[in-house]
Protein backbone atom coordinates (compact mmCIF):
# COMPACT_ATOMS: atom_id res chain seq x y z
CA MET A 1 43.99 -63.60 57.33
CA THR A 2 44.28 -63.08 61.08
CA ALA A 3 41.40 -61.49 62.36
CA VAL A 4 42.53 -58.10 64.47
CA PRO A 5 41.18 -58.79 67.60
CA VAL A 6 38.96 -55.32 68.81
CA ILE A 7 39.62 -54.30 72.67
CA GLN A 8 36.64 -52.55 74.01
CA ALA A 9 36.86 -50.52 77.36
CA PRO A 10 34.67 -51.27 80.28
CA ARG A 11 31.77 -48.75 80.30
CA ASN A 12 32.16 -48.43 83.77
CA SER A 13 36.43 -46.93 82.82
CA PRO A 14 37.87 -44.13 83.32
CA ALA A 15 38.72 -43.42 79.70
CA SER A 16 34.93 -44.52 78.65
CA ASP A 17 33.23 -42.64 80.86
CA THR A 18 35.07 -39.98 79.61
CA PHE A 19 33.77 -41.13 76.74
CA TYR A 20 29.89 -41.03 77.29
CA ARG A 21 30.01 -37.98 78.78
CA ALA A 22 31.33 -36.16 76.07
CA ILE A 23 28.46 -37.49 73.83
CA ALA A 24 26.00 -36.24 76.35
CA SER A 25 26.83 -33.15 77.05
CA GLU A 26 27.06 -32.47 72.97
CA LYS A 27 23.24 -34.10 73.06
CA ASP A 28 22.55 -31.71 76.24
CA ALA A 29 23.76 -29.08 74.44
CA LEU A 30 21.32 -29.89 70.88
CA GLN A 31 18.73 -30.69 73.63
CA ALA A 32 18.45 -27.38 75.82
CA PHE A 33 18.52 -25.47 71.75
CA LEU A 34 15.35 -27.18 70.88
CA GLN A 35 14.05 -26.73 74.12
CA THR A 36 14.24 -23.27 74.07
CA PRO A 37 11.34 -20.40 72.28
CA PRO A 38 11.38 -19.92 68.47
CA GLN A 39 13.46 -17.82 67.16
CA ALA A 40 12.00 -15.67 64.06
CA SER A 41 15.21 -15.20 62.86
CA ILE A 42 15.78 -18.77 61.77
CA GLU A 43 12.24 -18.37 59.77
CA LYS A 44 13.74 -15.22 58.09
CA VAL A 45 17.31 -16.99 56.72
CA ILE A 46 15.54 -20.05 56.02
CA ALA A 47 13.63 -17.11 53.22
CA LEU A 48 16.54 -15.76 52.61
CA ILE A 49 18.91 -19.02 51.72
CA SER A 50 16.34 -20.31 49.63
CA ALA A 51 15.88 -16.95 47.80
CA GLN A 52 19.56 -16.96 46.72
CA SER A 53 20.38 -17.29 43.22
CA GLN A 54 23.88 -16.31 44.03
CA SER A 55 26.01 -18.41 45.94
CA VAL A 56 25.92 -17.85 49.69
CA ILE A 57 29.15 -17.67 51.56
CA VAL A 58 29.61 -19.61 54.76
CA THR A 59 32.82 -18.15 56.92
CA GLY A 60 34.77 -18.89 59.94
CA ILE A 61 37.70 -19.52 61.21
CA GLY A 62 39.64 -21.96 63.81
CA LYS A 63 37.36 -25.33 64.42
CA SER A 64 34.10 -22.51 63.24
CA GLY A 65 36.17 -23.07 59.48
CA HIS A 66 35.91 -26.11 59.58
CA ILE A 67 32.14 -26.28 60.67
CA ALA A 68 31.49 -23.41 58.28
CA ALA A 69 32.97 -25.98 55.54
CA LYS A 70 30.73 -28.74 56.18
CA ILE A 71 27.90 -26.35 56.29
CA ALA A 72 28.95 -24.69 52.78
CA ALA A 73 29.04 -28.72 51.55
CA THR A 74 25.81 -29.33 52.49
CA MET A 75 24.69 -26.51 51.20
CA SER A 76 25.35 -27.52 47.73
CA SER A 77 24.78 -30.66 47.52
CA LEU A 78 21.12 -29.93 48.73
CA GLY A 79 20.65 -27.67 45.93
CA THR A 80 21.81 -24.47 47.29
CA PRO A 81 25.09 -23.29 45.55
CA ALA A 82 27.32 -22.10 48.66
CA HIS A 83 30.76 -21.95 49.23
CA PHE A 84 33.25 -21.79 52.29
CA MET A 85 35.79 -18.84 52.70
CA ASN A 86 38.32 -18.71 55.67
CA ALA A 87 37.71 -15.17 57.65
CA ALA A 88 41.32 -14.89 57.72
CA GLU A 89 42.48 -15.22 53.94
CA ALA A 90 39.14 -13.24 52.90
CA ALA A 91 41.13 -9.48 52.73
CA HIS A 92 44.04 -11.50 51.28
CA GLY A 93 42.26 -12.14 47.97
CA ASP A 94 39.67 -14.09 48.97
CA LEU A 95 37.16 -11.48 49.04
CA GLY A 96 37.12 -11.14 45.66
CA ALA A 97 34.70 -14.24 45.83
CA VAL A 98 31.92 -12.22 46.86
CA ARG A 99 29.54 -10.64 44.72
CA PRO A 100 27.73 -7.14 46.16
CA GLY A 101 24.38 -7.91 48.69
CA SER A 102 25.63 -11.76 48.84
CA LEU A 103 24.02 -13.40 52.26
CA VAL A 104 27.14 -14.28 54.30
CA ILE A 105 26.43 -16.53 56.79
CA MET A 106 29.72 -16.15 59.72
CA LEU A 107 30.14 -18.35 62.80
CA SER A 108 31.59 -17.68 65.57
CA HIS A 109 30.86 -19.22 69.45
CA SER A 110 32.19 -15.98 70.86
CA GLY A 111 31.30 -12.86 68.59
CA THR A 112 34.43 -11.73 69.42
CA THR A 113 36.95 -13.64 66.77
CA GLN A 114 39.10 -10.71 65.42
CA GLU A 115 39.55 -11.88 62.15
CA ILE A 116 35.21 -12.03 62.12
CA ALA A 117 35.12 -8.68 63.48
CA ARG A 118 38.06 -7.30 60.84
CA LEU A 119 35.69 -9.29 58.09
CA VAL A 120 32.38 -7.17 58.98
CA PRO A 121 32.73 -3.81 57.47
CA MET A 122 34.60 -5.12 54.54
CA LEU A 123 31.44 -7.00 53.59
CA ARG A 124 29.36 -4.24 54.81
CA ALA A 125 31.15 -2.17 52.16
CA ARG A 126 29.94 -4.64 49.24
CA ALA A 127 26.46 -4.47 50.79
CA CYS A 128 26.91 -7.97 51.78
CA ILE A 129 23.33 -9.28 53.95
CA LEU A 130 25.09 -11.13 57.09
CA VAL A 131 23.90 -13.80 59.23
CA ALA A 132 25.15 -14.46 62.65
CA ILE A 133 25.70 -18.32 63.98
CA VAL A 134 26.58 -17.49 67.30
CA GLY A 135 26.87 -18.29 71.12
CA ARG A 136 26.59 -15.03 73.00
CA LYS A 137 23.37 -12.38 72.08
CA ASP A 138 25.77 -8.92 73.48
CA SER A 139 28.63 -10.18 71.36
CA PRO A 140 30.25 -7.57 68.80
CA LEU A 141 29.16 -9.68 65.69
CA ALA A 142 25.71 -10.79 67.09
CA ARG A 143 24.95 -6.68 67.07
CA ALA A 144 26.51 -6.21 63.23
CA ALA A 145 24.77 -8.71 61.69
CA GLU A 146 21.10 -7.97 60.03
CA HIS A 147 20.01 -12.06 61.41
CA THR A 148 21.19 -13.56 64.60
CA ILE A 149 20.75 -17.37 65.35
CA LEU A 150 21.52 -17.52 69.33
CA ALA A 151 23.24 -21.10 69.81
CA GLU A 152 24.15 -20.76 73.45
CA VAL A 153 25.82 -23.78 75.46
CA GLU A 154 25.90 -24.30 79.31
CA GLY A 155 29.74 -25.48 78.61
CA GLU A 156 31.99 -28.08 76.25
CA ALA A 157 32.80 -31.74 76.09
CA ASP A 158 35.71 -31.86 77.09
CA HIS A 159 36.96 -32.75 80.61
CA ILE A 160 38.76 -29.01 80.90
CA GLY A 161 35.79 -27.44 79.05
CA MET A 162 37.84 -25.32 76.64
CA ALA A 163 37.72 -27.08 73.19
CA PRO A 164 35.21 -26.33 71.15
CA THR A 165 32.74 -29.23 71.00
CA SER A 166 29.49 -29.34 71.87
CA SER A 167 29.49 -25.25 70.39
CA THR A 168 30.98 -26.47 67.10
CA THR A 169 28.29 -29.81 67.17
CA LEU A 170 25.59 -27.43 67.81
CA HIS A 171 26.60 -24.87 65.37
CA LEU A 172 26.80 -28.20 62.28
CA ALA A 173 23.59 -28.97 63.39
CA ILE A 174 21.97 -25.17 63.19
CA GLY A 175 24.00 -25.02 59.70
CA ASP A 176 22.55 -28.53 58.56
CA ALA A 177 19.16 -27.71 59.66
CA LEU A 178 19.05 -24.55 57.57
CA ALA A 179 20.56 -26.43 54.30
CA VAL A 180 17.37 -28.81 54.52
CA ALA A 181 15.07 -26.29 55.47
CA ALA A 182 15.72 -24.04 52.81
CA SER A 183 16.18 -27.07 50.36
CA ALA A 184 13.03 -28.11 50.79
CA ARG A 185 11.53 -24.85 50.29
CA ARG A 186 13.47 -24.61 47.03
CA GLY A 187 11.60 -28.17 46.18
CA PHE A 188 14.38 -29.65 45.76
CA THR A 189 13.95 -33.53 44.96
CA ARG A 190 15.68 -36.97 45.38
CA ASP A 191 16.29 -37.30 41.04
CA ASP A 192 18.10 -33.39 41.98
CA PHE A 193 20.12 -34.56 44.79
CA LEU A 194 21.25 -37.87 42.52
CA GLN A 195 21.90 -35.57 39.66
CA HIS A 196 24.21 -33.01 42.31
CA HIS A 197 26.65 -36.54 43.17
CA PRO A 198 27.55 -38.02 39.47
CA ALA A 199 30.63 -39.91 41.49
CA GLY A 200 30.25 -43.16 43.34
CA LEU A 201 27.35 -44.99 44.23
CA LEU A 202 24.96 -41.93 44.50
CA GLY A 203 25.85 -41.05 40.32
CA ARG A 204 25.51 -44.61 39.05
CA GLN A 205 22.23 -44.76 40.62
CA MET A 206 21.38 -42.28 38.07
CA ILE A 207 22.51 -44.45 35.17
CA PRO A 208 18.80 -45.22 33.08
CA VAL A 209 18.11 -48.45 32.83
CA THR A 210 18.64 -47.55 28.81
CA ASN A 211 21.97 -48.18 29.20
CA LEU A 212 22.14 -51.24 31.02
CA MET A 213 18.76 -53.01 29.29
CA ARG A 214 19.95 -55.97 26.65
CA HIS A 215 17.34 -54.83 23.36
CA GLY A 216 17.38 -55.53 19.72
CA GLU A 217 18.85 -58.88 18.45
CA ASP A 218 19.93 -59.56 21.84
CA LEU A 219 16.19 -59.58 23.10
CA PRO A 220 14.99 -63.16 24.01
CA LYS A 221 11.22 -62.70 22.90
CA VAL A 222 8.40 -64.69 21.68
CA SER A 223 5.53 -65.47 20.75
CA PRO A 224 2.43 -67.28 23.37
CA GLU A 225 2.01 -70.02 20.65
CA LEU A 226 5.65 -70.83 20.46
CA PRO A 227 5.96 -74.90 21.79
CA LEU A 228 8.20 -75.53 24.53
CA VAL A 229 11.25 -76.89 22.23
CA ASP A 230 11.38 -74.16 20.57
CA LEU A 231 11.69 -72.03 23.51
CA LEU A 232 14.45 -73.72 24.64
CA SER A 233 16.09 -72.56 22.35
CA VAL A 234 15.29 -69.16 22.00
CA MET A 235 16.45 -69.22 25.90
CA SER A 236 20.02 -70.80 25.46
CA ALA A 237 20.55 -68.54 23.15
CA LYS A 238 20.16 -65.68 24.22
CA ARG A 239 21.43 -66.45 27.34
CA MET A 240 19.37 -64.97 30.08
CA GLY A 241 17.41 -67.71 31.63
CA ALA A 242 14.48 -66.21 30.46
CA ALA A 243 12.28 -64.89 27.50
CA CYS A 244 9.30 -62.44 27.49
CA VAL A 245 6.05 -63.79 25.95
CA VAL A 246 4.86 -60.68 23.55
CA ASP A 247 1.61 -60.14 21.36
CA SER A 248 2.14 -59.37 17.53
CA VAL A 249 2.71 -55.81 18.14
CA ASP A 250 5.26 -56.58 21.08
CA ARG A 251 2.86 -55.94 24.18
CA LEU A 252 4.08 -57.52 27.10
CA LEU A 253 1.74 -60.61 27.63
CA GLY A 254 4.01 -62.13 30.51
CA LEU A 255 7.67 -63.85 31.34
CA VAL A 256 8.61 -67.20 31.40
CA VAL A 257 12.23 -68.39 33.18
CA ASP A 258 14.49 -71.39 33.41
CA GLY A 259 12.30 -72.31 36.98
CA ASP A 260 8.76 -72.15 34.94
CA VAL A 261 10.10 -74.54 33.00
CA ARG A 262 12.30 -76.96 35.21
CA ARG A 263 8.74 -76.70 37.44
CA TYR A 264 6.50 -78.54 34.53
CA LEU A 265 9.35 -80.62 33.54
CA GLN A 266 9.49 -81.95 36.93
CA ARG A 267 5.79 -83.07 36.80
CA GLY A 268 6.70 -85.59 34.08
CA THR A 269 4.04 -84.85 32.05
CA ASP A 270 3.70 -84.97 28.22
CA ILE A 271 5.29 -81.53 26.75
CA THR A 272 3.73 -82.12 23.95
CA GLY A 273 2.14 -79.08 22.84
CA VAL A 274 3.17 -77.23 25.34
CA THR A 275 3.70 -73.57 24.24
CA ALA A 276 5.03 -70.40 26.13
CA GLY A 277 1.88 -68.72 26.95
CA GLU A 278 0.79 -72.34 29.30
CA LEU A 279 4.58 -71.83 30.99
CA MET A 280 4.54 -67.95 31.21
CA GLN A 281 3.68 -65.58 34.38
CA PRO A 282 0.99 -63.14 33.34
CA CYS A 283 1.91 -59.71 34.31
CA PRO A 284 5.39 -59.93 35.47
CA GLN A 285 6.69 -56.46 37.47
CA THR A 286 8.52 -54.53 35.16
CA VAL A 287 9.85 -50.74 34.38
CA GLY A 288 9.87 -48.07 32.54
CA LEU A 289 12.08 -46.41 30.23
CA ASP A 290 12.59 -43.44 32.32
CA ALA A 291 13.71 -45.51 34.85
CA THR A 292 17.23 -45.46 36.19
CA LEU A 293 19.23 -48.12 38.33
CA GLY A 294 18.36 -46.42 41.43
CA ASP A 295 14.60 -47.47 40.69
CA VAL A 296 15.74 -50.79 39.88
CA LEU A 297 17.86 -51.16 43.04
CA ALA A 298 14.86 -50.27 45.33
CA LEU A 299 12.26 -52.39 43.51
CA ARG A 300 14.62 -55.01 44.19
CA SER A 301 15.54 -54.32 48.15
CA LYS A 302 11.62 -54.34 48.09
CA ALA A 303 11.05 -57.80 45.90
CA ARG A 304 9.55 -61.25 48.27
CA ARG A 305 11.97 -62.87 46.28
CA ALA A 306 15.09 -61.97 44.09
CA TRP A 307 14.19 -61.41 40.38
CA LEU A 308 16.53 -62.81 37.80
CA VAL A 309 15.64 -60.71 34.62
CA LEU A 310 13.06 -57.22 34.17
CA PRO A 311 11.52 -56.48 31.70
CA VAL A 312 11.66 -52.76 30.53
CA VAL A 313 8.17 -51.58 28.86
CA ASP A 314 7.26 -48.19 27.55
CA ALA A 315 3.92 -46.34 28.51
CA GLU A 316 1.72 -48.61 26.10
CA GLY A 317 2.84 -51.39 27.75
CA HIS A 318 5.36 -52.49 24.84
CA LEU A 319 8.96 -54.74 25.17
CA GLU A 320 11.42 -52.29 24.87
CA GLY A 321 14.18 -54.07 26.17
CA MET A 322 15.37 -56.71 29.36
CA LEU A 323 17.48 -56.06 32.75
CA HIS A 324 19.20 -58.74 33.19
CA ALA A 325 19.87 -59.33 37.72
CA GLN A 326 23.80 -60.22 37.04
CA ASP A 327 24.09 -56.88 34.88
CA VAL A 328 22.49 -54.43 37.18
CA LEU A 329 25.23 -55.67 40.45
CA GLU A 330 27.81 -55.53 38.29
């Protein structure tokens, strides 16, 4: 198949200059926020979000609505139940999703958006706690909310200075940061995160090794006294390219792989009397019964050389199964 050429504008072309200026403008908005004095309301809002037992409502309209939806999704992903409510649809039935006393995060750069302003008394009637992420501290929304996070920008990033760009980027960064901080305060863990993502690659990482390992009659295990000839028969029959060497109570002693046998035979020495115990690699890398596919992939990425098989052992070191690299990669 013919490769499609990538057309790159020179860095100093008018289009390229506009492109990089827009990114720089959004970066400046973030940097300016970081350089402002810490806002006391931020710590209070993090505490409120992390303490919620019911869904946090995040609302906005237009471009701010898209950002609000992303913030709600990030919160849910990181262990804080949240959902997005379109401010324009609230008065047409969506308010039914708002429970009394809900925490509602409201996004508006100007703080004067009509749909947001109309929503405030409706939420007040439900005794909701209002948090505003707003660009103007003297705006109606900033005055109406119990807690306000001021997100001022000097200007938007587009060439006419009108499209929500720098402001929405800053709002998104603040929302994501609130989600992360609340999640950390809740004690949300990596395992919790994977439980929230059962589909796709993240979900597959949660597969227990016990679902993937070979065990029982499929498990190539031998005693240390087994002669080399018989060891080869076991390895051929089980078709894993390896065998685990165990003691009389199935405690793992070592591992023999095809390469160990091949290297020994290449020496040209007499194989009479050679046993599995002499060929094995003692103290091989293993995983426990509670490991997941994600744990195994992490081990594989850190290994100095790729492994063919990985024994699975219990807490006392007894062999329970074996993982083959091909099964893991598939």
